[in-house]
Amino acid sequence: MLFTGKHPFTIDAKHRLAIPAKIRAMLDPHRVGTAFYITLGVNNALWLWPPRTFERMAGHIEATLAPAPALMDFDEITFPEAERLELDAAGRIRVPEEMLAAAGLGTRVVVIGMRNHLEIWDPDRWQKYVEKKTAMRAEIAQRARPLLGRYTPPPGEPDG
């Protein structure tokens, strides 16, 4: 599943966000599920993961009785705060109030497609972020070049 594009939306008084119809149409119940896991991302935006994608990625993290401190730190700031959000009949999710506050979000938001997940940003903050990154486009592409060819599809996913 590939998420792309920008979608301006509002979060209503009950903290509900409508998931765009074209994104909902992509949610194959058997392949990725029809809900989302929400987490606070490393960029302080809210990240929405299709459930099977999130569960598959979490399953690839080494499970051990004595995890490395960095892995333990990551788990402790990620999984206790993650929450599964079901779509209602109108195609909306209810975003937990504490997550909205943590990401500094009000009623106006922009939903950004970020390859394998969605991100929810404040529109003004997103615009400033994009302007900064756009000015560094060549440098970013150069730094990413060694990583771009390293993709290996997960088991069961077609190659190419």
N, C-alpha and C. Protein backbone atom coordinates (compact mmCIF):
# COMPACT_ATOMS: atom_id res chain seq x y z
N MET A 1 0.85 -1.17 0.00
CA MET A 1 0.00 0.00 0.00
C MET A 1 0.89 1.23 0.00
N LEU A 2 0.58 2.16 -0.87
CA LEU A 2 1.38 3.38 -0.99
C LEU A 2 0.50 4.59 -0.72
N PHE A 3 0.82 5.32 0.34
CA PHE A 3 0.10 6.54 0.68
C PHE A 3 0.88 7.73 0.14
N THR A 4 0.20 8.61 -0.58
CA THR A 4 0.81 9.82 -1.13
C THR A 4 -0.17 10.98 -0.98
N GLY A 5 0.29 12.17 -1.26
CA GLY A 5 -0.57 13.34 -1.32
C GLY A 5 -0.78 14.05 0.00
N LYS A 6 -1.48 15.20 -0.10
CA LYS A 6 -1.82 16.04 1.05
C LYS A 6 -3.32 16.26 1.02
N HIS A 7 -3.93 16.21 2.18
CA HIS A 7 -5.38 16.34 2.29
C HIS A 7 -5.70 17.27 3.46
N PRO A 8 -6.15 18.51 3.19
CA PRO A 8 -6.53 19.40 4.30
C PRO A 8 -7.87 18.96 4.90
N PHE A 9 -7.92 18.92 6.22
CA PHE A 9 -9.14 18.51 6.92
C PHE A 9 -9.29 19.30 8.20
N THR A 10 -10.43 19.07 8.85
CA THR A 10 -10.65 19.62 10.18
C THR A 10 -10.94 18.47 11.13
N ILE A 11 -10.59 18.70 12.37
CA ILE A 11 -10.94 17.77 13.44
C ILE A 11 -12.10 18.40 14.17
N ASP A 12 -13.19 17.67 14.31
CA ASP A 12 -14.40 18.25 14.89
C ASP A 12 -14.31 18.31 16.42
N ALA A 13 -15.34 18.85 17.02
CA ALA A 13 -15.36 19.04 18.47
C ALA A 13 -15.27 17.73 19.25
N LYS A 14 -15.62 16.61 18.61
CA LYS A 14 -15.52 15.31 19.27
C LYS A 14 -14.20 14.61 18.94
N HIS A 15 -13.26 15.38 18.37
CA HIS A 15 -11.91 14.88 18.03
C HIS A 15 -11.93 13.84 16.92
N ARG A 16 -12.90 13.95 16.02
CA ARG A 16 -13.01 13.02 14.91
C ARG A 16 -12.36 13.60 13.66
N LEU A 17 -11.68 12.74 12.93
CA LEU A 17 -11.04 13.11 11.67
C LEU A 17 -11.57 12.18 10.59
N ALA A 18 -12.07 12.77 9.52
CA ALA A 18 -12.54 11.97 8.39
C ALA A 18 -11.33 11.51 7.58
N ILE A 19 -11.25 10.21 7.36
CA ILE A 19 -10.21 9.65 6.51
C ILE A 19 -10.69 9.80 5.07
N PRO A 20 -9.86 10.40 4.20
CA PRO A 20 -10.31 10.63 2.82
C PRO A 20 -10.82 9.35 2.16
N ALA A 21 -11.89 9.47 1.38
CA ALA A 21 -12.52 8.32 0.74
C ALA A 21 -11.53 7.55 -0.13
N LYS A 22 -10.65 8.27 -0.83
CA LYS A 22 -9.72 7.54 -1.69
C LYS A 22 -8.72 6.72 -0.88
N ILE A 23 -8.44 7.15 0.35
CA ILE A 23 -7.56 6.37 1.22
C ILE A 23 -8.33 5.18 1.79
N ARG A 24 -9.57 5.41 2.22
CA ARG A 24 -10.38 4.30 2.74
C ARG A 24 -10.56 3.22 1.69
N ALA A 25 -10.69 3.62 0.42
CA ALA A 25 -10.88 2.65 -0.66
C ALA A 25 -9.65 1.76 -0.83
N MET A 26 -8.49 2.23 -0.41
CA MET A 26 -7.25 1.45 -0.53
C MET A 26 -7.10 0.43 0.59
N LEU A 27 -7.88 0.54 1.64
CA LEU A 27 -7.72 -0.33 2.80
C LEU A 27 -8.34 -1.70 2.56
N ASP A 28 -7.57 -2.60 2.02
CA ASP A 28 -8.01 -3.97 1.78
C ASP A 28 -8.10 -4.68 3.13
N PRO A 29 -9.30 -5.10 3.53
CA PRO A 29 -9.46 -5.69 4.86
C PRO A 29 -8.59 -6.92 5.08
N HIS A 30 -8.31 -7.68 4.05
CA HIS A 30 -7.52 -8.91 4.21
C HIS A 30 -6.03 -8.63 4.20
N ARG A 31 -5.60 -7.63 3.46
CA ARG A 31 -4.16 -7.36 3.33
C ARG A 31 -3.63 -6.42 4.42
N VAL A 32 -4.34 -5.32 4.66
CA VAL A 32 -3.83 -4.33 5.62
C VAL A 32 -4.78 -4.03 6.76
N GLY A 33 -6.05 -4.42 6.64
CA GLY A 33 -7.03 -4.10 7.67
C GLY A 33 -7.78 -2.82 7.36
N THR A 34 -8.76 -2.51 8.18
CA THR A 34 -9.60 -1.33 7.92
C THR A 34 -9.64 -0.38 9.10
N ALA A 35 -8.63 -0.40 9.93
CA ALA A 35 -8.53 0.52 11.06
C ALA A 35 -7.16 1.18 10.94
N PHE A 36 -6.74 1.88 11.99
CA PHE A 36 -5.40 2.46 12.03
C PHE A 36 -4.86 2.37 13.45
N TYR A 37 -3.55 2.19 13.56
CA TYR A 37 -2.85 2.42 14.82
C TYR A 37 -2.33 3.84 14.75
N ILE A 38 -2.43 4.56 15.85
CA ILE A 38 -1.93 5.93 15.90
C ILE A 38 -0.78 5.99 16.91
N THR A 39 0.27 6.70 16.53
CA THR A 39 1.42 6.92 17.41
C THR A 39 1.90 8.35 17.21
N LEU A 40 2.65 8.85 18.16
CA LEU A 40 3.32 10.13 18.00
C LEU A 40 4.65 9.84 17.33
N GLY A 41 4.85 10.37 16.13
CA GLY A 41 6.06 10.10 15.37
C GLY A 41 7.27 10.86 15.88
N VAL A 42 8.42 10.49 15.36
CA VAL A 42 9.67 11.14 15.78
C VAL A 42 9.73 12.61 15.36
N ASN A 43 8.87 13.01 14.43
CA ASN A 43 8.81 14.41 13.99
C ASN A 43 7.70 15.18 14.71
N ASN A 44 7.11 14.58 15.74
CA ASN A 44 6.01 15.16 16.53
C ASN A 44 4.71 15.33 15.75
N ALA A 45 4.59 14.67 14.62
CA ALA A 45 3.30 14.57 13.93
C ALA A 45 2.66 13.27 14.40
N LEU A 46 1.35 13.16 14.21
CA LEU A 46 0.69 11.90 14.54
C LEU A 46 0.80 10.98 13.33
N TRP A 47 1.21 9.75 13.56
CA TRP A 47 1.38 8.78 12.50
C TRP A 47 0.25 7.76 12.58
N LEU A 48 -0.37 7.50 11.43
CA LEU A 48 -1.44 6.51 11.32
C LEU A 48 -0.94 5.34 10.48
N TRP A 49 -0.98 4.16 11.07
CA TRP A 49 -0.51 2.95 10.41
C TRP A 49 -1.67 2.00 10.17
N PRO A 50 -1.81 1.45 8.94
CA PRO A 50 -2.77 0.36 8.77
C PRO A 50 -2.40 -0.76 9.74
N PRO A 51 -3.36 -1.44 10.33
CA PRO A 51 -3.05 -2.38 11.41
C PRO A 51 -2.08 -3.50 11.02
N ARG A 52 -2.27 -4.11 9.88
CA ARG A 52 -1.37 -5.21 9.54
C ARG A 52 0.04 -4.71 9.25
N THR A 53 0.18 -3.52 8.71
CA THR A 53 1.51 -2.94 8.49
C THR A 53 2.19 -2.70 9.82
N PHE A 54 1.47 -2.08 10.76
CA PHE A 54 2.03 -1.78 12.08
C PHE A 54 2.40 -3.07 12.81
N GLU A 55 1.51 -4.05 12.76
CA GLU A 55 1.75 -5.33 13.45
C GLU A 55 2.92 -6.09 12.82
N ARG A 56 3.02 -6.06 11.50
CA ARG A 56 4.13 -6.73 10.82
C ARG A 56 5.46 -6.06 11.20
N MET A 57 5.49 -4.73 11.18
CA MET A 57 6.72 -4.02 11.53
C MET A 57 7.09 -4.26 12.99
N ALA A 58 6.10 -4.24 13.87
CA ALA A 58 6.38 -4.51 15.30
C ALA A 58 6.88 -5.93 15.47
N GLY A 59 6.37 -6.86 14.68
CA GLY A 59 6.80 -8.25 14.76
C GLY A 59 8.22 -8.48 14.28
N HIS A 60 8.75 -7.55 13.47
CA HIS A 60 10.12 -7.68 12.99
C HIS A 60 11.14 -7.13 13.99
N ILE A 61 10.67 -6.51 15.05
CA ILE A 61 11.58 -6.03 16.10
C ILE A 61 11.97 -7.24 16.94
N GLU A 62 13.24 -7.40 17.15
CA GLU A 62 13.72 -8.58 17.88
C GLU A 62 13.09 -8.66 19.27
N ALA A 63 12.49 -9.80 19.55
CA ALA A 63 11.90 -10.04 20.87
C ALA A 63 12.93 -10.79 21.71
N THR A 64 13.21 -10.26 22.87
CA THR A 64 14.19 -10.89 23.74
C THR A 64 13.85 -10.58 25.19
N LEU A 65 14.29 -11.42 26.09
CA LEU A 65 14.08 -11.18 27.52
C LEU A 65 15.00 -10.10 28.06
N ALA A 66 16.07 -9.81 27.33
CA ALA A 66 17.02 -8.77 27.75
C ALA A 66 17.30 -7.84 26.57
N PRO A 67 16.34 -6.95 26.26
CA PRO A 67 16.54 -6.07 25.11
C PRO A 67 17.64 -5.04 25.34
N ALA A 68 18.23 -4.62 24.24
CA ALA A 68 19.22 -3.54 24.31
C ALA A 68 18.54 -2.29 24.85
N PRO A 69 19.25 -1.46 25.59
CA PRO A 69 18.64 -0.25 26.16
C PRO A 69 17.97 0.64 25.11
N ALA A 70 18.56 0.79 23.94
CA ALA A 70 17.96 1.63 22.91
C ALA A 70 16.62 1.06 22.45
N LEU A 71 16.55 -0.26 22.31
CA LEU A 71 15.30 -0.90 21.91
C LEU A 71 14.25 -0.79 23.01
N MET A 72 14.68 -0.96 24.23
CA MET A 72 13.77 -0.83 25.36
C MET A 72 13.21 0.60 25.43
N ASP A 73 14.08 1.59 25.23
CA ASP A 73 13.63 2.98 25.21
C ASP A 73 12.59 3.20 24.11
N PHE A 74 12.89 2.68 22.92
CA PHE A 74 11.96 2.83 21.80
C PHE A 74 10.61 2.19 22.12
N ASP A 75 10.64 0.95 22.59
CA ASP A 75 9.40 0.26 22.93
C ASP A 75 8.60 1.04 23.97
N GLU A 76 9.29 1.57 24.97
CA GLU A 76 8.60 2.27 26.08
C GLU A 76 7.95 3.58 25.64
N ILE A 77 8.50 4.24 24.60
CA ILE A 77 7.86 5.49 24.16
C ILE A 77 6.91 5.27 23.00
N THR A 78 6.90 4.05 22.45
CA THR A 78 6.05 3.79 21.28
C THR A 78 4.79 3.00 21.63
N PHE A 79 4.95 1.81 22.14
CA PHE A 79 3.81 0.90 22.27
C PHE A 79 2.81 1.25 23.37
N PRO A 80 3.21 1.77 24.53
CA PRO A 80 2.19 2.14 25.52
C PRO A 80 1.28 3.27 25.04
N GLU A 81 1.81 4.14 24.17
CA GLU A 81 1.03 5.28 23.69
C GLU A 81 0.25 4.96 22.41
N ALA A 82 0.63 3.90 21.70
CA ALA A 82 -0.06 3.53 20.46
C ALA A 82 -1.48 3.07 20.78
N GLU A 83 -2.38 3.39 19.89
CA GLU A 83 -3.77 3.00 20.10
C GLU A 83 -4.39 2.62 18.76
N ARG A 84 -5.20 1.58 18.77
CA ARG A 84 -5.90 1.17 17.56
C ARG A 84 -7.19 1.98 17.46
N LEU A 85 -7.40 2.60 16.30
CA LEU A 85 -8.58 3.42 16.06
C LEU A 85 -9.42 2.80 14.96
N GLU A 86 -10.66 2.48 15.28
CA GLU A 86 -11.57 1.90 14.29
C GLU A 86 -12.27 3.03 13.53
N LEU A 87 -12.51 2.81 12.26
CA LEU A 87 -13.29 3.76 11.46
C LEU A 87 -14.76 3.62 11.83
N ASP A 88 -15.46 4.75 11.98
CA ASP A 88 -16.89 4.68 12.23
C ASP A 88 -17.62 4.56 10.89
N ALA A 89 -18.94 4.52 10.92
CA ALA A 89 -19.74 4.32 9.70
C ALA A 89 -19.53 5.45 8.68
N ALA A 90 -19.12 6.62 9.15
CA ALA A 90 -18.89 7.77 8.26
C ALA A 90 -17.43 7.85 7.80
N GLY A 91 -16.61 6.86 8.15
CA GLY A 91 -15.20 6.86 7.71
C GLY A 91 -14.31 7.77 8.54
N ARG A 92 -14.68 7.97 9.81
CA ARG A 92 -13.90 8.85 10.69
C ARG A 92 -13.23 8.02 11.77
N ILE A 93 -12.13 8.57 12.28
CA ILE A 93 -11.48 8.02 13.47
C ILE A 93 -11.58 9.08 14.56
N ARG A 94 -11.60 8.64 15.81
CA ARG A 94 -11.59 9.57 16.93
C ARG A 94 -10.17 9.61 17.47
N VAL A 95 -9.52 10.77 17.32
CA VAL A 95 -8.14 10.93 17.73
C VAL A 95 -8.12 11.26 19.22
N PRO A 96 -7.38 10.48 20.01
CA PRO A 96 -7.33 10.75 21.46
C PRO A 96 -6.86 12.18 21.74
N GLU A 97 -7.55 12.83 22.67
CA GLU A 97 -7.28 14.23 23.00
C GLU A 97 -5.82 14.45 23.42
N GLU A 98 -5.26 13.50 24.21
CA GLU A 98 -3.88 13.67 24.65
C GLU A 98 -2.89 13.60 23.49
N MET A 99 -3.24 12.86 22.45
CA MET A 99 -2.36 12.81 21.27
C MET A 99 -2.44 14.10 20.48
N LEU A 100 -3.64 14.66 20.36
CA LEU A 100 -3.78 15.95 19.69
C LEU A 100 -2.93 17.00 20.40
N ALA A 101 -3.00 17.00 21.73
CA ALA A 101 -2.22 17.96 22.52
C ALA A 101 -0.72 17.73 22.35
N ALA A 102 -0.29 16.47 22.39
CA ALA A 102 1.14 16.15 22.25
C ALA A 102 1.69 16.60 20.91
N ALA A 103 0.87 16.54 19.86
CA ALA A 103 1.31 16.94 18.52
C ALA A 103 1.03 18.41 18.24
N GLY A 104 0.43 19.11 19.21
CA GLY A 104 0.13 20.53 19.03
C GLY A 104 -0.89 20.80 17.94
N LEU A 105 -1.89 19.93 17.84
CA LEU A 105 -2.89 20.07 16.78
C LEU A 105 -4.16 20.74 17.28
N GLY A 106 -4.71 21.56 16.41
CA GLY A 106 -6.01 22.19 16.67
C GLY A 106 -7.05 21.57 15.77
N THR A 107 -7.96 22.41 15.28
CA THR A 107 -9.03 21.88 14.44
C THR A 107 -8.61 21.75 12.98
N ARG A 108 -7.72 22.62 12.51
CA ARG A 108 -7.25 22.52 11.12
C ARG A 108 -6.03 21.61 11.07
N VAL A 109 -6.07 20.61 10.19
CA VAL A 109 -4.94 19.69 10.03
C VAL A 109 -4.74 19.39 8.56
N VAL A 110 -3.60 18.81 8.25
CA VAL A 110 -3.34 18.29 6.92
C VAL A 110 -2.88 16.85 7.10
N VAL A 111 -3.51 15.95 6.33
CA VAL A 111 -3.15 14.53 6.36
C VAL A 111 -2.21 14.30 5.19
N ILE A 112 -1.02 13.79 5.51
CA ILE A 112 0.06 13.62 4.54
C ILE A 112 0.28 12.14 4.29
N GLY A 113 0.34 11.75 3.01
CA GLY A 113 0.70 10.38 2.67
C GLY A 113 2.21 10.23 2.72
N MET A 114 2.70 9.27 3.52
CA MET A 114 4.14 9.09 3.71
C MET A 114 4.55 7.64 3.41
N ARG A 115 4.28 7.23 2.20
CA ARG A 115 4.65 5.91 1.70
C ARG A 115 3.84 4.80 2.38
N ASN A 116 4.23 4.35 3.58
CA ASN A 116 3.55 3.22 4.21
C ASN A 116 2.66 3.63 5.38
N HIS A 117 2.55 4.94 5.63
CA HIS A 117 1.68 5.42 6.70
C HIS A 117 1.19 6.83 6.36
N LEU A 118 0.28 7.34 7.16
CA LEU A 118 -0.23 8.70 7.04
C LEU A 118 0.29 9.50 8.22
N GLU A 119 0.44 10.80 8.03
CA GLU A 119 0.81 11.68 9.14
C GLU A 119 -0.19 12.81 9.22
N ILE A 120 -0.48 13.23 10.46
CA ILE A 120 -1.40 14.35 10.70
C ILE A 120 -0.56 15.50 11.23
N TRP A 121 -0.58 16.62 10.52
CA TRP A 121 0.22 17.79 10.85
C TRP A 121 -0.66 19.02 11.01
N ASP A 122 -0.17 19.99 11.77
CA ASP A 122 -0.72 21.34 11.75
C ASP A 122 -0.32 21.92 10.39
N PRO A 123 -1.24 22.51 9.63
CA PRO A 123 -0.91 22.99 8.28
C PRO A 123 0.23 24.01 8.24
N ASP A 124 0.27 24.94 9.18
CA ASP A 124 1.34 25.95 9.18
C ASP A 124 2.69 25.32 9.49
N ARG A 125 2.71 24.42 10.45
CA ARG A 125 3.95 23.73 10.80
C ARG A 125 4.43 22.88 9.62
N TRP A 126 3.50 22.19 8.95
CA TRP A 126 3.85 21.39 7.78
C TRP A 126 4.45 22.28 6.69
N GLN A 127 3.85 23.42 6.43
CA GLN A 127 4.35 24.31 5.37
C GLN A 127 5.78 24.75 5.67
N LYS A 128 6.06 25.13 6.90
CA LYS A 128 7.42 25.54 7.28
C LYS A 128 8.39 24.37 7.14
N TYR A 129 7.96 23.19 7.54
CA TYR A 129 8.79 21.99 7.45
C TYR A 129 9.14 21.69 5.99
N VAL A 130 8.14 21.76 5.12
CA VAL A 130 8.36 21.49 3.70
C VAL A 130 9.30 22.53 3.08
N GLU A 131 9.12 23.78 3.43
CA GLU A 131 10.00 24.83 2.90
C GLU A 131 11.45 24.56 3.29
N LYS A 132 11.67 24.17 4.52
CA LYS A 132 13.02 23.87 4.99
C LYS A 132 13.59 22.67 4.23
N LYS A 133 12.81 21.61 4.10
CA LYS A 133 13.27 20.40 3.42
C LYS A 133 13.47 20.65 1.92
N THR A 134 12.61 21.45 1.31
CA THR A 134 12.73 21.73 -0.12
C THR A 134 14.05 22.44 -0.42
N ALA A 135 14.44 23.33 0.48
CA ALA A 135 15.71 24.04 0.29
C ALA A 135 16.90 23.09 0.37
N MET A 136 16.70 21.92 0.95
CA MET A 136 17.78 20.94 1.12
C MET A 136 17.58 19.72 0.20
N ARG A 137 16.73 19.84 -0.82
CA ARG A 137 16.34 18.70 -1.65
C ARG A 137 17.54 17.92 -2.19
N ALA A 138 18.52 18.59 -2.79
CA ALA A 138 19.67 17.90 -3.38
C ALA A 138 20.47 17.17 -2.31
N GLU A 139 20.70 17.82 -1.18
CA GLU A 139 21.44 17.19 -0.09
C GLU A 139 20.70 15.97 0.46
N ILE A 140 19.39 16.09 0.62
CA ILE A 140 18.58 14.99 1.13
C ILE A 140 18.64 13.80 0.16
N ALA A 141 18.50 14.07 -1.13
CA ALA A 141 18.56 13.00 -2.12
C ALA A 141 19.91 12.31 -2.10
N GLN A 142 20.97 13.08 -1.96
CA GLN A 142 22.32 12.49 -1.91
C GLN A 142 22.51 11.61 -0.69
N ARG A 143 22.02 12.07 0.47
CA ARG A 143 22.14 11.26 1.69
C ARG A 143 21.30 9.99 1.62
N ALA A 144 20.15 10.07 0.94
CA ALA A 144 19.24 8.93 0.86
C ALA A 144 19.68 7.90 -0.17
N ARG A 145 20.46 8.32 -1.15
CA ARG A 145 20.83 7.44 -2.26
C ARG A 145 21.32 6.06 -1.81
N PRO A 146 22.24 5.94 -0.83
CA PRO A 146 22.69 4.60 -0.43
C PRO A 146 21.59 3.74 0.19
N LEU A 147 20.56 4.36 0.71
CA LEU A 147 19.49 3.61 1.37
C LEU A 147 18.38 3.21 0.41
N LEU A 148 18.25 3.88 -0.71
CA LEU A 148 17.13 3.67 -1.60
C LEU A 148 17.14 2.30 -2.27
N GLY A 149 18.29 1.72 -2.49
CA GLY A 149 18.35 0.42 -3.15
C GLY A 149 18.33 -0.75 -2.20
N ARG A 150 18.18 -0.50 -0.90
CA ARG A 150 18.29 -1.56 0.10
C ARG A 150 16.96 -2.23 0.43
N TYR A 151 15.89 -1.86 -0.24
CA TYR A 151 14.57 -2.40 0.12
C TYR A 151 14.50 -3.89 -0.17
N THR A 152 14.05 -4.62 0.80
CA THR A 152 13.77 -6.04 0.66
C THR A 152 12.32 -6.24 1.05
N PRO A 153 11.49 -6.79 0.15
CA PRO A 153 10.07 -6.94 0.51
C PRO A 153 9.90 -7.92 1.64
N PRO A 154 8.93 -7.66 2.51
CA PRO A 154 8.64 -8.59 3.60
C PRO A 154 8.15 -9.92 3.03
N PRO A 155 8.25 -10.98 3.80
CA PRO A 155 7.75 -12.29 3.34
C PRO A 155 6.30 -12.20 2.89
N GLY A 156 6.01 -12.79 1.75
CA GLY A 156 4.64 -12.80 1.25
C GLY A 156 4.29 -11.62 0.38
N GLU A 157 5.15 -10.60 0.33
CA GLU A 157 4.88 -9.43 -0.51
C GLU A 157 5.63 -9.62 -1.83
N PRO A 158 4.96 -9.35 -2.97
CA PRO A 158 5.64 -9.55 -4.25
C PRO A 158 6.84 -8.62 -4.40
N ASP A 159 7.87 -9.10 -5.05
CA ASP A 159 9.08 -8.31 -5.30
C ASP A 159 8.88 -7.50 -6.56
N GLY A 160 9.11 -6.18 -6.45
CA GLY A 160 9.04 -5.31 -7.62
C GLY A 160 7.69 -4.80 -7.83
